[in-house]
Amino acid sequence: MGVLRYGSNEAFPFDDRLLTHMKLAIVTKLRRGESFTLSWDREPALGSGRSTLWIDAAIPLQFEFSSPRAQMNLNKQWVEQLLASANTTGNMVPVPEPEPR
């Protein structure tokens, strides 16, 4: 399980594979100078509910992965879906990994 640290160094847990793909999408948006929100449903063990972060290049951001190895088999379609959610609604939402085409 990886961790997204944002702003005041608060830690948000995500699966390493999902976090890798989110990282690619988030960095793409920030390189373009585009701020957006990131929203996800919290696990029941973490109190359920929903969390939303305002993602902006001016706020410190760190990705921590539990695996020492980088993900090698990236799913471009998944990154595109994450970007599409942020581009159409302004709200990136983690979605399940699609089957490769």
Protein backbone atom coordinates (compact mmCIF):
# COMPACT_ATOMS: atom_id res chain seq x y z
CA MET A 1 0.00 0.00 0.00
CA GLY A 2 1.44 3.34 -1.08
CA VAL A 3 0.80 6.77 0.37
CA LEU A 4 0.00 10.15 -1.14
CA ARG A 5 1.29 12.97 1.09
CA TYR A 6 -0.16 16.36 0.40
CA GLY A 7 0.08 19.79 1.96
CA SER A 8 0.58 19.50 5.69
CA ASN A 9 2.11 16.04 5.17
CA GLU A 10 -1.17 14.23 5.82
CA ALA A 11 -0.96 10.68 4.42
CA PHE A 12 -3.61 9.12 2.20
CA PRO A 13 -3.22 5.38 1.46
CA PHE A 14 -3.64 3.98 -2.07
CA ASP A 15 -2.71 0.70 -3.71
CA ASP A 16 0.78 1.02 -5.29
CA ARG A 17 -0.48 0.23 -8.80
CA LEU A 18 -3.30 2.77 -8.60
CA LEU A 19 -0.95 5.35 -7.05
CA THR A 20 1.53 4.88 -9.90
CA HIS A 21 -1.14 5.63 -12.49
CA MET A 22 -2.55 8.51 -10.45
CA LYS A 23 0.97 9.95 -10.21
CA LEU A 24 1.30 9.98 -13.99
CA ALA A 25 -2.07 11.69 -14.41
CA ILE A 26 -1.50 14.20 -11.60
CA VAL A 27 1.98 15.17 -12.81
CA THR A 28 0.62 15.58 -16.35
CA LYS A 29 -2.05 17.99 -15.13
CA LEU A 30 0.37 19.97 -12.97
CA ARG A 31 2.92 20.25 -15.80
CA ARG A 32 0.17 21.83 -17.87
CA GLY A 33 -0.46 24.32 -15.06
CA GLU A 34 -3.92 22.84 -14.40
CA SER A 35 -5.27 22.66 -10.85
CA PHE A 36 -8.10 20.23 -10.08
CA THR A 37 -9.72 18.21 -7.33
CA LEU A 38 -8.98 14.57 -6.52
CA SER A 39 -11.84 12.69 -4.82
CA TRP A 40 -12.14 9.12 -3.60
CA ASP A 41 -14.23 6.92 -1.31
CA ARG A 42 -12.45 6.03 1.94
CA GLU A 43 -12.15 2.42 3.03
CA PRO A 44 -14.56 1.37 5.81
CA ALA A 45 -11.55 0.65 8.04
CA LEU A 46 -10.63 4.34 7.69
CA GLY A 47 -14.07 5.60 8.65
CA SER A 48 -15.88 5.37 5.29
CA GLY A 49 -17.06 8.59 3.67
CA ARG A 50 -15.40 10.55 0.90
CA SER A 51 -12.26 12.67 0.69
CA THR A 52 -11.41 15.48 -1.72
CA LEU A 53 -8.13 17.35 -2.17
CA TRP A 54 -7.50 20.51 -4.17
CA ILE A 55 -4.42 19.63 -6.25
CA ASP A 56 -2.27 22.63 -7.10
CA ALA A 57 1.41 22.95 -8.02
CA ALA A 58 1.95 25.39 -5.12
CA ILE A 59 1.09 22.72 -2.54
CA PRO A 60 3.78 20.14 -1.63
CA LEU A 61 3.02 16.67 -2.99
CA GLN A 62 4.83 13.38 -2.39
CA PHE A 63 4.18 9.85 -3.64
CA GLU A 64 5.48 7.00 -1.47
CA PHE A 65 5.35 3.41 -2.68
CA SER A 66 5.60 0.29 -0.54
CA SER A 67 7.40 -1.58 -3.31
CA PRO A 68 11.03 -0.63 -3.96
CA ARG A 69 10.52 -1.37 -7.68
CA ALA A 70 8.72 0.91 -10.10
CA GLN A 71 5.66 -0.47 -11.88
CA MET A 72 6.81 -1.66 -15.30
CA ASN A 73 3.56 -2.66 -17.00
CA LEU A 74 1.75 0.66 -17.17
CA ASN A 75 -1.80 0.82 -18.49
CA LYS A 76 -2.01 3.91 -20.73
CA GLN A 77 -5.78 3.56 -20.97
CA TRP A 78 -6.05 3.85 -17.17
CA VAL A 79 -4.01 7.07 -17.12
CA GLU A 80 -6.21 8.42 -19.92
CA GLN A 81 -9.37 7.61 -17.92
CA LEU A 82 -7.98 9.40 -14.86
CA LEU A 83 -7.09 12.44 -16.98
CA ALA A 84 -10.50 12.38 -18.68
CA SER A 85 -12.30 12.45 -15.33
CA ALA A 86 -10.29 15.51 -14.27
CA ASN A 87 -10.74 17.20 -17.65
CA THR A 88 -14.49 16.70 -17.97
CA THR A 89 -15.64 17.38 -14.42
CA GLY A 90 -12.58 19.02 -12.88
CA ASN A 91 -12.59 16.15 -10.40
CA MET A 92 -10.15 13.25 -10.85
CA VAL A 93 -11.68 10.08 -9.46
CA PRO A 94 -9.75 6.83 -9.06
CA VAL A 95 -11.46 4.18 -11.17
CA PRO A 96 -10.79 0.44 -11.43
CA GLU A 97 -8.09 -0.57 -13.89
CA PRO A 98 -9.59 -1.25 -17.33
CA GLU A 99 -8.68 -4.36 -19.29
CA PRO A 100 -5.98 -3.61 -21.88
CA ARG A 101 -7.34 -3.11 -25.39
